[in-house]
Structures are given as C-alpha cells and as structure tokens.
Amino acid sequence: MKHRIYVDEVGNPDLASSDNPNHRFLSLTGVILELNYVQDSVQPQLEALKLKYFHSHPDEPIIFHRKEMFNAKEPFEALQQPNLRKKFDKELLDLLTAWDYTVISVCLDKKKHKDQYSVWRYDPYHYCLAVLLERFIYFLNTLESYGDVMAESRGGKEDIRLKESFNRLWEKGTDYVDQEQFQKRLTSRQLKVKTKSNNIAGLQLADILAHPSRNEILAENNFPQNLSAPFSQKVINILKNKYYRRDDDIYGKKFL
C-alpha cells in the first residue's frame, strides 16, 4: 500500500503579523489516504455528490472549497435553498463519517513563538510541517507502509518555500525522526504541489476539515473560537474518530 498525506494551511507563516489577533495562529492539517482507496472510493463519490447538487461537468469540474460553500457563493449558490442545503450537508457529513482516512493537525501560536525566541526562531511553516510529517512517519512505520506528501499550490515564492521546507526534512530530518527514516518511508524527495484546478479529492477533503480542526484545537487551549455553526460542530464530532492515535494517545492534534 502507498499512502499520501494531503496538506492544507490555515493562516499565514509571517511572524511580523503575529501580534494581530486575526493572524496570530498558523495551522497545517494533513489528511492521510491510501491511494487506491482515493481512486476507487473517495474521488468517484465526491464527484457524484458534485454532479447531483451542482451539475459538475468533467470539462469544467466544480472544486469544493469550504469558504465558498459555507457562504453559498458561486458555484454553490444552490445552497442558498434551505431544504437543498440540509440534504447536501447530510450527504457530505455521511461521506466524511464513512470514508477511511486519518487526520493530523498542528497549530502554532506565532505570537508566543516570536516572544519566546527573540534571537533564534524556527520558521513557522517549517516548524509546523516538521511536526506534521514526524507523525506521518510514525503512521507509516506502524503500518510498514510508504507514502508521499501533497500540498495545494499557493503560487510563486510560496511554493518555493513549501518545497525548500520539505527538502530540509528529507535531507536533515528532525530531532525526533532522522533523515534515514524520512528517506525510507517517503517515496519521493519532492513535495507534490497541485493547484485547485487539478481537482484533487484529497486536497478538497483537507480544505473542508482544516478550519474546524484548527478551531477545535484553539478552543481546547483556551483561545475561544466560534464553534456554534452546526455544520462545523458536526465536522468536529466526526474528527474525534479520525485523528491519528498511537496506542491510547491522540497524536493527531498538536498545539505548539
């Protein structure tokens, strides 16, 4: 078997903005899926849902994006109809419950990070990615499996930063997972970067899960978040059974 972790980012890695409450936190959420399972189950079921509610066509596929879906913006304006939205939400939540995937989310308080390390600082994105991929390696080790990493393209300099961060982990490892383990379990030294237009099911799933997961982690660490939205709360409840566990410990949530 080969697994892929699809990574979605909430927030930005800029330390200069960390004093702004709206930009204080950076989180990375990774969704681990077995690749044959994506092909046989997740992708076709996701496309069937799009076709049923939004008349998605292969030549111009609908790409699920949480923010536009939540606000019923084009091409999701059909969700402005309460009865239709209720049916769609139920079907999507049923899929999120039924699909076989594992979630790892890492959230960094950039303000505390900046204040604590006034001279030497870990790059926020690299810090989060290192912790995320350490846990991915633990996951692969347990199953004696192999995998790779895919992130959504942010364009230009951002993509270069993503790839450089990944390359550092491949070449040097971390204090907890050495480079030999990274190179043994990961099948490629290159981070895969794809745009939204590629219609990658795993990246769309990560996009749907990332924001609720981030908010849950912040709320658990005494940073109140709006968890009252019914759909988001239902996603959070589903995630409780999807986070990566080692023995009896939850390794799928980490607040830095």
C-alpha atoms as a PDB file:
ATOM      1  CA  MET A   1       0.000   0.000   0.000  1.00  0.00           C
ATOM      2  CA  LYS A   2       1.001   3.584  -0.556  1.00  0.00           C
ATOM      3  CA  HIS A   3      -0.393   6.471   1.451  1.00  0.00           C
ATOM      4  CA  ARG A   4      -0.454  10.168   0.679  1.00  0.00           C
ATOM      5  CA  ILE A   5      -0.886  12.983   3.149  1.00  0.00           C
ATOM      6  CA  TYR A   6      -2.764  15.949   1.674  1.00  0.00           C
ATOM      7  CA  VAL A   7      -1.854  19.174   3.465  1.00  0.00           C
ATOM      8  CA  ASP A   8      -3.960  22.312   3.864  1.00  0.00           C
ATOM      9  CA  GLU A   9      -2.859  25.555   5.525  1.00  0.00           C
ATOM     10  CA  VAL A  10      -4.976  27.947   7.611  1.00  0.00           C
ATOM     11  CA  GLY A  11      -3.362  31.282   8.402  1.00  0.00           C
ATOM     12  CA  ASN A  12      -0.021  32.567   7.204  1.00  0.00           C
ATOM     13  CA  PRO A  13       3.581  31.952   8.319  1.00  0.00           C
ATOM     14  CA  ASP A  14       4.519  35.639   8.586  1.00  0.00           C
ATOM     15  CA  LEU A  15       5.837  36.341  12.104  1.00  0.00           C
ATOM     16  CA  ALA A  16       5.502  40.101  11.611  1.00  0.00           C
ATOM     17  CA  SER A  17       1.704  39.738  11.633  1.00  0.00           C
ATOM     18  CA  SER A  18       1.584  37.617  14.796  1.00  0.00           C
ATOM     19  CA  ASP A  19       0.524  40.499  17.083  1.00  0.00           C
ATOM     20  CA  ASN A  20      -2.660  40.845  15.030  1.00  0.00           C
ATOM     21  CA  PRO A  21      -5.312  38.610  16.666  1.00  0.00           C
ATOM     22  CA  ASN A  22      -6.625  37.691  13.219  1.00  0.00           C
ATOM     23  CA  HIS A  23      -3.214  36.427  12.106  1.00  0.00           C
ATOM     24  CA  ARG A  24      -1.825  35.028  15.357  1.00  0.00           C
ATOM     25  CA  PHE A  25      -2.118  31.335  14.508  1.00  0.00           C
ATOM     26  CA  LEU A  26      -0.819  29.118  11.725  1.00  0.00           C
ATOM     27  CA  SER A  27      -2.159  25.605  11.341  1.00  0.00           C
ATOM     28  CA  LEU A  28      -1.446  22.739   8.983  1.00  0.00           C
ATOM     29  CA  THR A  29      -3.899  19.879   8.608  1.00  0.00           C
ATOM     30  CA  GLY A  30      -2.893  16.671   6.893  1.00  0.00           C
ATOM     31  CA  VAL A  31      -5.350  14.037   5.683  1.00  0.00           C
ATOM     32  CA  ILE A  32      -3.831  10.591   5.118  1.00  0.00           C
ATOM     33  CA  LEU A  33      -5.434   8.393   2.477  1.00  0.00           C
ATOM     34  CA  GLU A  34      -4.425   5.142   0.814  1.00  0.00           C
ATOM     35  CA  LEU A  35      -4.065   5.925  -2.895  1.00  0.00           C
ATOM     36  CA  ASN A  36      -6.079   3.017  -4.284  1.00  0.00           C
ATOM     37  CA  TYR A  37      -8.869   3.962  -1.891  1.00  0.00           C
ATOM     38  CA  VAL A  38      -8.842   7.518  -3.232  1.00  0.00           C
ATOM     39  CA  GLN A  39      -9.206   6.188  -6.764  1.00  0.00           C
ATOM     40  CA  ASP A  40     -11.873   3.601  -6.008  1.00  0.00           C
ATOM     41  CA  SER A  41     -13.988   5.393  -3.398  1.00  0.00           C
ATOM     42  CA  VAL A  42     -13.254   8.989  -2.407  1.00  0.00           C
ATOM     43  CA  GLN A  43     -12.818  10.572  -5.838  1.00  0.00           C
ATOM     44  CA  PRO A  44     -15.862   8.957  -7.542  1.00  0.00           C
ATOM     45  CA  GLN A  45     -18.141   9.528  -4.544  1.00  0.00           C
ATOM     46  CA  LEU A  46     -17.064  13.164  -4.267  1.00  0.00           C
ATOM     47  CA  GLU A  47     -17.674  13.725  -7.980  1.00  0.00           C
ATOM     48  CA  ALA A  48     -21.090  12.051  -7.755  1.00  0.00           C
ATOM     49  CA  LEU A  49     -22.042  14.470  -4.973  1.00  0.00           C
ATOM     50  CA  LYS A  50     -20.964  17.461  -7.090  1.00  0.00           C
ATOM     51  CA  LEU A  51     -22.908  16.181 -10.088  1.00  0.00           C
ATOM     52  CA  LYS A  52     -26.056  15.636  -8.031  1.00  0.00           C
ATOM     53  CA  TYR A  53     -26.181  19.101  -6.458  1.00  0.00           C
ATOM     54  CA  PHE A  54     -24.152  21.397  -8.724  1.00  0.00           C
ATOM     55  CA  HIS A  55     -24.246  19.677 -12.151  1.00  0.00           C
ATOM     56  CA  SER A  56     -20.475  19.490 -12.272  1.00  0.00           C
ATOM     57  CA  HIS A  57     -19.051  18.562 -15.696  1.00  0.00           C
ATOM     58  CA  PRO A  58     -15.670  16.850 -16.285  1.00  0.00           C
ATOM     59  CA  ASP A  59     -14.607  19.653 -18.636  1.00  0.00           C
ATOM     60  CA  GLU A  60     -15.353  22.294 -16.001  1.00  0.00           C
ATOM     61  CA  PRO A  61     -15.256  20.489 -12.665  1.00  0.00           C
ATOM     62  CA  ILE A  62     -16.618  22.023  -9.506  1.00  0.00           C
ATOM     63  CA  ILE A  63     -13.906  22.331  -6.857  1.00  0.00           C
ATOM     64  CA  PHE A  64     -15.066  22.081  -3.251  1.00  0.00           C
ATOM     65  CA  HIS A  65     -13.819  24.994  -1.179  1.00  0.00           C
ATOM     66  CA  ARG A  66     -15.063  25.419   2.374  1.00  0.00           C
ATOM     67  CA  LYS A  67     -15.403  29.218   2.413  1.00  0.00           C
ATOM     68  CA  GLU A  68     -17.413  29.465  -0.796  1.00  0.00           C
ATOM     69  CA  MET A  69     -19.577  26.514   0.219  1.00  0.00           C
ATOM     70  CA  PHE A  70     -20.231  27.952   3.680  1.00  0.00           C
ATOM     71  CA  ASN A  71     -21.316  31.294   2.175  1.00  0.00           C
ATOM     72  CA  ALA A  72     -23.192  29.674  -0.740  1.00  0.00           C
ATOM     73  CA  LYS A  73     -21.144  31.658  -3.248  1.00  0.00           C
ATOM     74  CA  GLU A  74     -20.802  30.740  -6.911  1.00  0.00           C
ATOM     75  CA  PRO A  75     -20.726  27.927  -7.968  1.00  0.00           C
ATOM     76  CA  PHE A  76     -22.524  26.837  -4.773  1.00  0.00           C
ATOM     77  CA  GLU A  77     -25.435  29.288  -4.955  1.00  0.00           C
ATOM     78  CA  ALA A  78     -27.875  26.349  -4.931  1.00  0.00           C
ATOM     79  CA  LEU A  79     -27.028  26.022  -1.224  1.00  0.00           C
ATOM     80  CA  GLN A  80     -28.999  29.219  -0.601  1.00  0.00           C
ATOM     81  CA  GLN A  81     -32.083  26.973  -0.679  1.00  0.00           C
ATOM     82  CA  PRO A  82     -32.559  25.739   2.910  1.00  0.00           C
ATOM     83  CA  ASN A  83     -34.025  22.330   2.066  1.00  0.00           C
ATOM     84  CA  LEU A  84     -31.388  21.584  -0.541  1.00  0.00           C
ATOM     85  CA  ARG A  85     -28.608  22.709   1.790  1.00  0.00           C
ATOM     86  CA  LYS A  86     -29.905  20.439   4.529  1.00  0.00           C
ATOM     87  CA  LYS A  87     -29.828  17.442   2.183  1.00  0.00           C
ATOM     88  CA  PHE A  88     -26.388  18.314   0.821  1.00  0.00           C
ATOM     89  CA  ASP A  89     -24.902  18.822   4.283  1.00  0.00           C
ATOM     90  CA  LYS A  90     -26.229  15.455   5.422  1.00  0.00           C
ATOM     91  CA  GLU A  91     -24.794  13.625   2.425  1.00  0.00           C
ATOM     92  CA  LEU A  92     -21.415  15.317   2.782  1.00  0.00           C
ATOM     93  CA  LEU A  93     -21.298  14.600   6.525  1.00  0.00           C
ATOM     94  CA  ASP A  94     -22.226  10.975   5.849  1.00  0.00           C
ATOM     95  CA  LEU A  95     -19.243  10.697   3.485  1.00  0.00           C
ATOM     96  CA  LEU A  96     -16.915  12.400   5.976  1.00  0.00           C
ATOM     97  CA  THR A  97     -18.014   9.813   8.529  1.00  0.00           C
ATOM     98  CA  ALA A  98     -17.822   6.776   6.259  1.00  0.00           C
ATOM     99  CA  TRP A  99     -14.547   7.433   4.437  1.00  0.00           C
ATOM    100  CA  ASP A 100     -11.420   5.745   5.755  1.00  0.00           C
ATOM    101  CA  TYR A 101      -8.829   8.454   6.441  1.00  0.00           C
ATOM    102  CA  THR A 102      -6.579   9.691   9.234  1.00  0.00           C
ATOM    103  CA  VAL A 103      -6.112  13.318  10.281  1.00  0.00           C
ATOM    104  CA  ILE A 104      -3.125  15.121  11.785  1.00  0.00           C
ATOM    105  CA  SER A 105      -3.433  18.815  12.682  1.00  0.00           C
ATOM    106  CA  VAL A 106      -0.692  21.079  14.029  1.00  0.00           C
ATOM    107  CA  CYS A 107      -1.384  24.630  15.221  1.00  0.00           C
ATOM    108  CA  LEU A 108       1.253  27.206  16.183  1.00  0.00           C
ATOM    109  CA  ASP A 109       0.805  30.316  18.331  1.00  0.00           C
ATOM    110  CA  LYS A 110       3.107  32.602  16.336  1.00  0.00           C
ATOM    111  CA  LYS A 111       2.980  35.381  18.927  1.00  0.00           C
ATOM    112  CA  LYS A 112       4.257  33.204  21.762  1.00  0.00           C
ATOM    113  CA  HIS A 113       6.788  31.661  19.416  1.00  0.00           C
ATOM    114  CA  LYS A 114       8.108  35.112  18.476  1.00  0.00           C
ATOM    115  CA  ASP A 115       8.148  36.342  22.075  1.00  0.00           C
ATOM    116  CA  GLN A 116       9.871  33.242  23.439  1.00  0.00           C
ATOM    117  CA  TYR A 117      12.588  33.044  20.798  1.00  0.00           C
ATOM    118  CA  SER A 118      13.689  36.651  20.480  1.00  0.00           C
ATOM    119  CA  VAL A 119      17.054  35.813  18.860  1.00  0.00           C
ATOM    120  CA  TRP A 120      16.693  32.416  17.184  1.00  0.00           C
ATOM    121  CA  ARG A 121      13.355  31.420  15.701  1.00  0.00           C
ATOM    122  CA  TYR A 122      12.156  28.401  13.814  1.00  0.00           C
ATOM    123  CA  ASP A 123      10.399  29.344  10.571  1.00  0.00           C
ATOM    124  CA  PRO A 124       6.699  28.907  11.495  1.00  0.00           C
ATOM    125  CA  TYR A 125       5.762  26.930   8.415  1.00  0.00           C
ATOM    126  CA  HIS A 126       8.781  24.641   8.681  1.00  0.00           C
ATOM    127  CA  TYR A 127       8.095  24.098  12.395  1.00  0.00           C
ATOM    128  CA  CYS A 128       4.507  23.001  11.726  1.00  0.00           C
ATOM    129  CA  LEU A 129       5.454  20.884   8.721  1.00  0.00           C
ATOM    130  CA  ALA A 130       8.204  19.130  10.692  1.00  0.00           C
ATOM    131  CA  VAL A 131       5.819  18.147  13.493  1.00  0.00           C
ATOM    132  CA  LEU A 132       3.141  17.103  10.986  1.00  0.00           C
ATOM    133  CA  LEU A 133       5.479  14.891   8.971  1.00  0.00           C
ATOM    134  CA  GLU A 134       7.083  13.366  12.056  1.00  0.00           C
ATOM    135  CA  ARG A 135       3.667  11.986  12.890  1.00  0.00           C
ATOM    136  CA  PHE A 136       3.132  10.876   9.305  1.00  0.00           C
ATOM    137  CA  ILE A 137       6.366   8.881   9.514  1.00  0.00           C
ATOM    138  CA  TYR A 138       5.171   7.292  12.797  1.00  0.00           C
ATOM    139  CA  PHE A 139       1.950   6.343  10.992  1.00  0.00           C
ATOM    140  CA  LEU A 140       3.840   4.778   8.071  1.00  0.00           C
ATOM    141  CA  ASN A 141       6.222   2.946  10.411  1.00  0.00           C
ATOM    142  CA  THR A 142       3.319   1.367  12.282  1.00  0.00           C
ATOM    143  CA  LEU A 143       1.813   0.022   9.058  1.00  0.00           C
ATOM    144  CA  GLU A 144       5.210  -0.694   7.475  1.00  0.00           C
ATOM    145  CA  SER A 145       3.902   1.350   4.568  1.00  0.00           C
ATOM    146  CA  TYR A 146       5.282   4.082   2.311  1.00  0.00           C
ATOM    147  CA  GLY A 147       3.944   7.432   1.236  1.00  0.00           C
ATOM    148  CA  ASP A 148       4.394  10.900  -0.142  1.00  0.00           C
ATOM    149  CA  VAL A 149       3.186  14.435   0.521  1.00  0.00           C
ATOM    150  CA  MET A 150       0.956  16.756  -1.485  1.00  0.00           C
ATOM    151  CA  ALA A 151       0.081  20.385  -0.740  1.00  0.00           C
ATOM    152  CA  GLU A 152      -2.080  22.921  -2.517  1.00  0.00           C
ATOM    153  CA  SER A 153      -0.174  25.400  -4.637  1.00  0.00           C
ATOM    154  CA  ARG A 154      -0.010  28.949  -3.278  1.00  0.00           C
ATOM    155  CA  GLY A 155       1.962  30.164  -6.292  1.00  0.00           C
ATOM    156  CA  GLY A 156       5.436  31.560  -6.881  1.00  0.00           C
ATOM    157  CA  LYS A 157       7.523  32.219  -3.770  1.00  0.00           C
ATOM    158  CA  GLU A 158       5.104  30.355  -1.515  1.00  0.00           C
ATOM    159  CA  ASP A 159       5.555  27.127  -3.485  1.00  0.00           C
ATOM    160  CA  ILE A 160       9.321  27.537  -3.372  1.00  0.00           C
ATOM    161  CA  ARG A 161       9.102  27.938   0.425  1.00  0.00           C
ATOM    162  CA  LEU A 162       6.997  24.776   0.704  1.00  0.00           C
ATOM    163  CA  LYS A 163       9.441  22.737  -1.341  1.00  0.00           C
ATOM    164  CA  GLU A 164      12.518  24.064   0.449  1.00  0.00           C
ATOM    165  CA  SER A 165      10.997  23.212   3.817  1.00  0.00           C
ATOM    166  CA  PHE A 166      10.210  19.687   2.655  1.00  0.00           C
ATOM    167  CA  ASN A 167      13.707  19.239   1.211  1.00  0.00           C
ATOM    168  CA  ARG A 168      15.281  20.214   4.546  1.00  0.00           C
ATOM    169  CA  LEU A 169      13.315  17.490   6.294  1.00  0.00           C
ATOM    170  CA  TRP A 170      14.300  14.927   3.661  1.00  0.00           C
ATOM    171  CA  GLU A 171      17.981  15.829   3.905  1.00  0.00           C
ATOM    172  CA  LYS A 172      18.363  16.512   7.657  1.00  0.00           C
ATOM    173  CA  GLY A 173      15.368  15.031   9.456  1.00  0.00           C
ATOM    174  CA  THR A 174      14.358  16.385  12.863  1.00  0.00           C
ATOM    175  CA  ASP A 175      15.396  15.867  16.477  1.00  0.00           C
ATOM    176  CA  TYR A 176      12.829  13.056  16.721  1.00  0.00           C
ATOM    177  CA  VAL A 177      12.855  11.495  13.240  1.00  0.00           C
ATOM    178  CA  ASP A 178      16.197  11.284  11.464  1.00  0.00           C
ATOM    179  CA  GLN A 179      16.719  11.657   7.725  1.00  0.00           C
ATOM    180  CA  GLU A 180      17.094   7.892   7.279  1.00  0.00           C
ATOM    181  CA  GLN A 181      13.504   7.371   8.417  1.00  0.00           C
ATOM    182  CA  PHE A 182      12.207  10.138   6.155  1.00  0.00           C
ATOM    183  CA  GLN A 183      14.080   8.678   3.201  1.00  0.00           C
ATOM    184  CA  LYS A 184      12.994   5.125   3.990  1.00  0.00           C
ATOM    185  CA  ARG A 185       9.274   5.839   4.303  1.00  0.00           C
ATOM    186  CA  LEU A 186       8.761   8.656   1.786  1.00  0.00           C
ATOM    187  CA  THR A 187       8.834   7.547  -1.834  1.00  0.00           C
ATOM    188  CA  SER A 188       9.841  10.920  -3.224  1.00  0.00           C
ATOM    189  CA  ARG A 189      12.227  13.656  -2.129  1.00  0.00           C
ATOM    190  CA  GLN A 190       9.968  16.124  -3.966  1.00  0.00           C
ATOM    191  CA  LEU A 191       6.900  17.683  -2.383  1.00  0.00           C
ATOM    192  CA  LYS A 192       3.964  17.397  -4.764  1.00  0.00           C
ATOM    193  CA  VAL A 193       2.266  20.771  -5.271  1.00  0.00           C
ATOM    194  CA  LYS A 194      -1.031  20.979  -7.147  1.00  0.00           C
ATOM    195  CA  THR A 195      -3.442  23.825  -7.904  1.00  0.00           C
ATOM    196  CA  LYS A 196      -7.169  23.836  -7.143  1.00  0.00           C
ATOM    197  CA  SER A 197      -7.934  23.396 -10.840  1.00  0.00           C
ATOM    198  CA  ASN A 198      -6.375  19.907 -10.719  1.00  0.00           C
ATOM    199  CA  ASN A 199      -9.490  18.760  -8.830  1.00  0.00           C
ATOM    200  CA  ILE A 200      -7.610  16.649  -6.260  1.00  0.00           C
ATOM    201  CA  ALA A 201     -10.098  14.911  -3.957  1.00  0.00           C
ATOM    202  CA  GLY A 202      -7.647  14.646  -1.049  1.00  0.00           C
ATOM    203  CA  LEU A 203      -6.858  18.364  -1.102  1.00  0.00           C
ATOM    204  CA  GLN A 204     -10.562  19.222  -1.153  1.00  0.00           C
ATOM    205  CA  LEU A 205     -11.155  16.927   1.804  1.00  0.00           C
ATOM    206  CA  ALA A 206      -8.292  18.600   3.683  1.00  0.00           C
ATOM    207  CA  ASP A 207      -9.761  22.021   2.900  1.00  0.00           C
ATOM    208  CA  ILE A 208     -13.133  21.026   4.366  1.00  0.00           C
ATOM    209  CA  LEU A 209     -11.588  19.625   7.562  1.00  0.00           C
ATOM    210  CA  ALA A 210      -8.773  22.109   8.237  1.00  0.00           C
ATOM    211  CA  HIS A 211     -10.727  25.053   9.619  1.00  0.00           C
ATOM    212  CA  PRO A 212     -12.945  23.091  12.056  1.00  0.00           C
ATOM    213  CA  SER A 213      -9.889  21.154  13.264  1.00  0.00           C
ATOM    214  CA  ARG A 214      -7.929  24.363  13.865  1.00  0.00           C
ATOM    215  CA  ASN A 215     -10.821  25.917  15.783  1.00  0.00           C
ATOM    216  CA  GLU A 216     -11.218  22.836  17.960  1.00  0.00           C
ATOM    217  CA  ILE A 217      -7.516  22.879  18.876  1.00  0.00           C
ATOM    218  CA  LEU A 218      -7.638  26.582  19.734  1.00  0.00           C
ATOM    219  CA  ALA A 219     -10.760  26.156  21.851  1.00  0.00           C
ATOM    220  CA  GLU A 220      -9.118  23.293  23.749  1.00  0.00           C
ATOM    221  CA  ASN A 221      -6.178  25.594  24.510  1.00  0.00           C
ATOM    222  CA  ASN A 222      -8.297  28.451  25.877  1.00  0.00           C
ATOM    223  CA  PHE A 223      -8.499  30.535  22.735  1.00  0.00           C
ATOM    224  CA  PRO A 224     -12.274  30.783  22.274  1.00  0.00           C
ATOM    225  CA  GLN A 225     -13.440  30.120  18.753  1.00  0.00           C
ATOM    226  CA  ASN A 226     -16.859  30.160  17.177  1.00  0.00           C
ATOM    227  CA  LEU A 227     -17.795  26.503  17.287  1.00  0.00           C
ATOM    228  CA  SER A 228     -21.523  27.147  17.216  1.00  0.00           C
ATOM    229  CA  ALA A 229     -22.027  26.724  13.449  1.00  0.00           C
ATOM    230  CA  PRO A 230     -23.950  23.429  13.268  1.00  0.00           C
ATOM    231  CA  PHE A 231     -22.061  22.046  10.270  1.00  0.00           C
ATOM    232  CA  SER A 232     -18.626  22.830  11.743  1.00  0.00           C
ATOM    233  CA  GLN A 233     -19.592  21.300  15.075  1.00  0.00           C
ATOM    234  CA  LYS A 234     -20.689  18.131  13.303  1.00  0.00           C
ATOM    235  CA  VAL A 235     -17.357  18.007  11.462  1.00  0.00           C
ATOM    236  CA  ILE A 236     -15.534  18.385  14.792  1.00  0.00           C
ATOM    237  CA  ASN A 237     -17.539  15.470  16.201  1.00  0.00           C
ATOM    238  CA  ILE A 238     -16.587  13.333  13.185  1.00  0.00           C
ATOM    239  CA  LEU A 239     -12.924  14.249  13.586  1.00  0.00           C
ATOM    240  CA  LYS A 240     -12.819  12.757  17.077  1.00  0.00           C
ATOM    241  CA  ASN A 241     -12.718   9.320  15.435  1.00  0.00           C
ATOM    242  CA  LYS A 242     -10.368  10.330  12.625  1.00  0.00           C
ATOM    243  CA  TYR A 243      -7.363  11.769  14.463  1.00  0.00           C
ATOM    244  CA  TYR A 244      -4.198   9.697  14.391  1.00  0.00           C
ATOM    245  CA  ARG A 245      -3.706   7.637  17.549  1.00  0.00           C
ATOM    246  CA  ARG A 246      -0.701   5.742  18.863  1.00  0.00           C
ATOM    247  CA  ASP A 247      -1.857   3.194  21.397  1.00  0.00           C
ATOM    248  CA  ASP A 248      -4.278   5.206  23.569  1.00  0.00           C
ATOM    249  CA  ASP A 249      -2.726   8.610  22.864  1.00  0.00           C
ATOM    250  CA  ILE A 250      -4.053  11.097  20.323  1.00  0.00           C
ATOM    251  CA  TYR A 251      -1.097  12.065  18.123  1.00  0.00           C
ATOM    252  CA  GLY A 252      -3.320  13.737  15.544  1.00  0.00           C
ATOM    253  CA  LYS A 253      -3.683  17.064  17.384  1.00  0.00           C
ATOM    254  CA  LYS A 254      -0.755  19.235  18.441  1.00  0.00           C
ATOM    255  CA  PHE A 255      -0.718  22.797  19.752  1.00  0.00           C
ATOM    256  CA  LEU A 256       2.710  24.464  19.635  1.00  0.00           C
END
